[in-house]
């Protein structure tokens, strides 16, 4: 049996994770905050997920590609990063802060996108951290 985390050892899957996890997490957080603030009604919540989700995918495509490429380069060149999921996630947090600030400037909401970008960057890096494939040895 394979370890459940071994699937992230494939670069294509990590790329797809870096491409789709940030807009999905960001969209869910934005829609939930709008629902809890009373700006959005429950009946408008599901359609808003698709509307905001589509906009988020478009808005984060280039940052997500850059995010993936930087994390791959850091992972390949720094052994201390390669051995620690939390260090890898902190790099994702720093990149999330940078991209969140950029989106905040564009959408005129720096505090919101700064905190959203940092949380999503950390979570994405944590989720796509590649691990070595390990085979579970049957006990004899």
C-alpha atoms as a PDB file:
ATOM      1  CA  UNK A   1       0.000   0.000   0.000  1.00  0.00           C
ATOM      2  CA  UNK A   2       1.162   3.507  -0.707  1.00  0.00           C
ATOM      3  CA  UNK A   3       1.330   6.378   1.704  1.00  0.00           C
ATOM      4  CA  UNK A   4      -1.579   8.749   1.117  1.00  0.00           C
ATOM      5  CA  UNK A   5       0.781  11.680   0.533  1.00  0.00           C
ATOM      6  CA  UNK A   6       2.811  10.075  -2.256  1.00  0.00           C
ATOM      7  CA  UNK A   7       0.526  11.396  -4.977  1.00  0.00           C
ATOM      8  CA  UNK A   8       1.985  14.893  -4.487  1.00  0.00           C
ATOM      9  CA  UNK A   9       5.421  13.608  -5.541  1.00  0.00           C
ATOM     10  CA  UNK A  10       4.392  14.037  -9.193  1.00  0.00           C
ATOM     11  CA  UNK A  11       5.144  17.564 -10.465  1.00  0.00           C
ATOM     12  CA  UNK A  12       2.034  17.698 -12.661  1.00  0.00           C
ATOM     13  CA  UNK A  13      -0.248  17.051  -9.690  1.00  0.00           C
ATOM     14  CA  UNK A  14       1.592  19.670  -7.606  1.00  0.00           C
ATOM     15  CA  UNK A  15       1.176  22.118 -10.496  1.00  0.00           C
ATOM     16  CA  UNK A  16      -2.562  21.440 -10.702  1.00  0.00           C
ATOM     17  CA  UNK A  17      -2.787  21.781  -6.922  1.00  0.00           C
ATOM     18  CA  UNK A  18      -0.957  25.120  -7.038  1.00  0.00           C
ATOM     19  CA  UNK A  19      -3.208  26.248  -9.880  1.00  0.00           C
ATOM     20  CA  UNK A  20      -6.578  25.329  -8.380  1.00  0.00           C
ATOM     21  CA  UNK A  21      -6.208  25.230  -4.573  1.00  0.00           C
ATOM     22  CA  UNK A  22      -5.655  29.006  -4.097  1.00  0.00           C
ATOM     23  CA  UNK A  23      -8.733  30.164  -6.044  1.00  0.00           C
ATOM     24  CA  UNK A  24     -10.925  27.470  -4.498  1.00  0.00           C
ATOM     25  CA  UNK A  25      -9.833  28.246  -0.926  1.00  0.00           C
ATOM     26  CA  UNK A  26      -9.997  31.984  -1.546  1.00  0.00           C
ATOM     27  CA  UNK A  27     -13.461  31.762  -3.076  1.00  0.00           C
ATOM     28  CA  UNK A  28     -14.820  29.660  -0.228  1.00  0.00           C
ATOM     29  CA  UNK A  29     -13.438  32.098   2.353  1.00  0.00           C
ATOM     30  CA  UNK A  30     -14.799  35.168   0.520  1.00  0.00           C
ATOM     31  CA  UNK A  31     -18.272  33.678   0.013  1.00  0.00           C
ATOM     32  CA  UNK A  32     -18.452  32.473   3.625  1.00  0.00           C
ATOM     33  CA  UNK A  33     -17.439  35.904   4.890  1.00  0.00           C
ATOM     34  CA  UNK A  34     -20.111  37.508   2.698  1.00  0.00           C
ATOM     35  CA  UNK A  35     -22.703  35.026   3.968  1.00  0.00           C
ATOM     36  CA  UNK A  36     -21.818  35.629   7.625  1.00  0.00           C
ATOM     37  CA  UNK A  37     -21.688  39.404   7.203  1.00  0.00           C
ATOM     38  CA  UNK A  38     -25.209  39.434   5.769  1.00  0.00           C
ATOM     39  CA  UNK A  39     -24.132  40.904   2.422  1.00  0.00           C
ATOM     40  CA  UNK A  40     -25.095  37.700   0.643  1.00  0.00           C
ATOM     41  CA  UNK A  41     -28.207  35.621   1.289  1.00  0.00           C
ATOM     42  CA  UNK A  42     -28.059  31.839   1.557  1.00  0.00           C
ATOM     43  CA  UNK A  43     -29.915  31.425  -1.745  1.00  0.00           C
ATOM     44  CA  UNK A  44     -27.252  33.539  -3.482  1.00  0.00           C
ATOM     45  CA  UNK A  45     -24.359  31.649  -1.886  1.00  0.00           C
ATOM     46  CA  UNK A  46     -24.084  28.742  -4.320  1.00  0.00           C
ATOM     47  CA  UNK A  47     -24.228  30.875  -7.503  1.00  0.00           C
ATOM     48  CA  UNK A  48     -21.735  33.257  -5.899  1.00  0.00           C
ATOM     49  CA  UNK A  49     -19.286  30.370  -5.444  1.00  0.00           C
ATOM     50  CA  UNK A  50     -19.234  29.837  -9.196  1.00  0.00           C
ATOM     51  CA  UNK A  51     -19.126  33.541 -10.074  1.00  0.00           C
ATOM     52  CA  UNK A  52     -16.354  34.384  -7.612  1.00  0.00           C
ATOM     53  CA  UNK A  53     -14.614  31.087  -8.339  1.00  0.00           C
ATOM     54  CA  UNK A  54     -14.397  31.808 -12.046  1.00  0.00           C
ATOM     55  CA  UNK A  55     -13.053  35.300 -11.359  1.00  0.00           C
ATOM     56  CA  UNK A  56     -10.566  33.915  -8.850  1.00  0.00           C
ATOM     57  CA  UNK A  57      -9.249  31.306 -11.296  1.00  0.00           C
ATOM     58  CA  UNK A  58      -8.714  33.991 -13.921  1.00  0.00           C
ATOM     59  CA  UNK A  59      -7.144  36.436 -11.430  1.00  0.00           C
ATOM     60  CA  UNK A  60      -4.776  33.878  -9.877  1.00  0.00           C
ATOM     61  CA  UNK A  61      -3.597  31.943 -12.935  1.00  0.00           C
ATOM     62  CA  UNK A  62      -0.311  33.791 -13.436  1.00  0.00           C
ATOM     63  CA  UNK A  63       0.443  34.120  -9.691  1.00  0.00           C
ATOM     64  CA  UNK A  64      -0.303  30.394  -9.248  1.00  0.00           C
ATOM     65  CA  UNK A  65       2.116  29.440 -12.019  1.00  0.00           C
ATOM     66  CA  UNK A  66       4.818  31.666 -10.514  1.00  0.00           C
ATOM     67  CA  UNK A  67       3.993  30.244  -7.061  1.00  0.00           C
ATOM     68  CA  UNK A  68       4.504  26.703  -8.344  1.00  0.00           C
ATOM     69  CA  UNK A  69       7.727  27.486 -10.198  1.00  0.00           C
ATOM     70  CA  UNK A  70       9.301  29.247  -7.213  1.00  0.00           C
ATOM     71  CA  UNK A  71       8.310  26.481  -4.795  1.00  0.00           C
ATOM     72  CA  UNK A  72       9.693  23.843  -7.168  1.00  0.00           C
ATOM     73  CA  UNK A  73      12.995  25.687  -7.496  1.00  0.00           C
ATOM     74  CA  UNK A  74      13.280  26.185  -3.735  1.00  0.00           C
ATOM     75  CA  UNK A  75      12.421  22.539  -3.128  1.00  0.00           C
ATOM     76  CA  UNK A  76      15.036  21.328  -5.623  1.00  0.00           C
ATOM     77  CA  UNK A  77      17.879  23.544  -4.405  1.00  0.00           C
ATOM     78  CA  UNK A  78      17.464  23.777  -0.616  1.00  0.00           C
ATOM     79  CA  UNK A  79      17.803  20.556   1.343  1.00  0.00           C
ATOM     80  CA  UNK A  80      16.648  22.186   4.587  1.00  0.00           C
ATOM     81  CA  UNK A  81      13.393  23.121   2.844  1.00  0.00           C
ATOM     82  CA  UNK A  82      13.081  19.681   1.271  1.00  0.00           C
ATOM     83  CA  UNK A  83      13.105  18.029   4.687  1.00  0.00           C
ATOM     84  CA  UNK A  84      10.528  20.259   6.384  1.00  0.00           C
ATOM     85  CA  UNK A  85       6.905  20.731   5.462  1.00  0.00           C
ATOM     86  CA  UNK A  86       6.612  23.776   7.742  1.00  0.00           C
ATOM     87  CA  UNK A  87       9.595  25.538   6.112  1.00  0.00           C
ATOM     88  CA  UNK A  88       8.088  24.833   2.693  1.00  0.00           C
ATOM     89  CA  UNK A  89       4.788  26.268   3.948  1.00  0.00           C
ATOM     90  CA  UNK A  90       6.480  29.401   5.269  1.00  0.00           C
ATOM     91  CA  UNK A  91       7.878  30.031   1.779  1.00  0.00           C
ATOM     92  CA  UNK A  92       4.289  29.659   0.514  1.00  0.00           C
ATOM     93  CA  UNK A  93       3.120  32.103   3.189  1.00  0.00           C
ATOM     94  CA  UNK A  94       5.675  34.700   2.074  1.00  0.00           C
ATOM     95  CA  UNK A  95       4.643  34.310  -1.547  1.00  0.00           C
ATOM     96  CA  UNK A  96       0.979  34.500  -0.549  1.00  0.00           C
ATOM     97  CA  UNK A  97       1.677  37.809   1.180  1.00  0.00           C
ATOM     98  CA  UNK A  98       3.325  39.168  -1.967  1.00  0.00           C
ATOM     99  CA  UNK A  99       0.543  38.031  -4.301  1.00  0.00           C
ATOM    100  CA  UNK A 100      -2.172  38.984  -1.817  1.00  0.00           C
ATOM    101  CA  UNK A 101      -0.772  42.501  -1.659  1.00  0.00           C
ATOM    102  CA  UNK A 102      -0.732  42.670  -5.453  1.00  0.00           C
ATOM    103  CA  UNK A 103      -4.342  41.520  -5.704  1.00  0.00           C
ATOM    104  CA  UNK A 104      -5.275  43.879  -2.874  1.00  0.00           C
ATOM    105  CA  UNK A 105      -3.815  46.822  -4.751  1.00  0.00           C
ATOM    106  CA  UNK A 106      -5.661  45.801  -7.909  1.00  0.00           C
ATOM    107  CA  UNK A 107      -9.005  45.202  -6.193  1.00  0.00           C
ATOM    108  CA  UNK A 108      -8.531  48.040  -3.661  1.00  0.00           C
ATOM    109  CA  UNK A 109      -8.714  45.872  -0.572  1.00  0.00           C
ATOM    110  CA  UNK A 110      -5.156  45.391   0.658  1.00  0.00           C
ATOM    111  CA  UNK A 111      -5.915  44.222   4.251  1.00  0.00           C
ATOM    112  CA  UNK A 112      -8.433  41.630   3.107  1.00  0.00           C
ATOM    113  CA  UNK A 113      -6.328  40.218   0.269  1.00  0.00           C
ATOM    114  CA  UNK A 114      -3.137  40.376   2.335  1.00  0.00           C
ATOM    115  CA  UNK A 115      -4.598  38.153   5.035  1.00  0.00           C
ATOM    116  CA  UNK A 116      -6.370  35.959   2.476  1.00  0.00           C
ATOM    117  CA  UNK A 117      -3.208  35.586   0.391  1.00  0.00           C
ATOM    118  CA  UNK A 118      -1.063  34.668   3.371  1.00  0.00           C
ATOM    119  CA  UNK A 119      -3.517  32.039   4.610  1.00  0.00           C
ATOM    120  CA  UNK A 120      -4.085  30.556   1.167  1.00  0.00           C
ATOM    121  CA  UNK A 121      -0.346  30.588   0.349  1.00  0.00           C
ATOM    122  CA  UNK A 122       0.491  28.750   3.558  1.00  0.00           C
ATOM    123  CA  UNK A 123      -2.326  26.206   3.115  1.00  0.00           C
ATOM    124  CA  UNK A 124      -1.500  25.565  -0.538  1.00  0.00           C
ATOM    125  CA  UNK A 125       2.193  25.018   0.132  1.00  0.00           C
ATOM    126  CA  UNK A 126       1.333  22.771   3.068  1.00  0.00           C
ATOM    127  CA  UNK A 127      -1.061  20.699   0.962  1.00  0.00           C
ATOM    128  CA  UNK A 128       1.197  20.280  -2.084  1.00  0.00           C
ATOM    129  CA  UNK A 129       4.411  19.560  -0.160  1.00  0.00           C
ATOM    130  CA  UNK A 130       5.990  16.620  -1.983  1.00  0.00           C
ATOM    131  CA  UNK A 131       6.985  13.644   0.100  1.00  0.00           C
ATOM    132  CA  UNK A 132       9.058  10.627  -0.774  1.00  0.00           C
ATOM    133  CA  UNK A 133       7.120   7.621  -1.940  1.00  0.00           C
ATOM    134  CA  UNK A 134       7.162   5.043   0.800  1.00  0.00           C
ATOM    135  CA  UNK A 135       5.975   1.490   0.558  1.00  0.00           C
ATOM    136  CA  UNK A 136       4.348   0.012   3.624  1.00  0.00           C
ATOM    137  CA  UNK A 137       6.186  -3.163   4.457  1.00  0.00           C
ATOM    138  CA  UNK A 138       3.967  -6.128   5.243  1.00  0.00           C
ATOM    139  CA  UNK A 139       4.658  -7.509   8.674  1.00  0.00           C
ATOM    140  CA  UNK A 140       5.999 -11.032   8.700  1.00  0.00           C
END
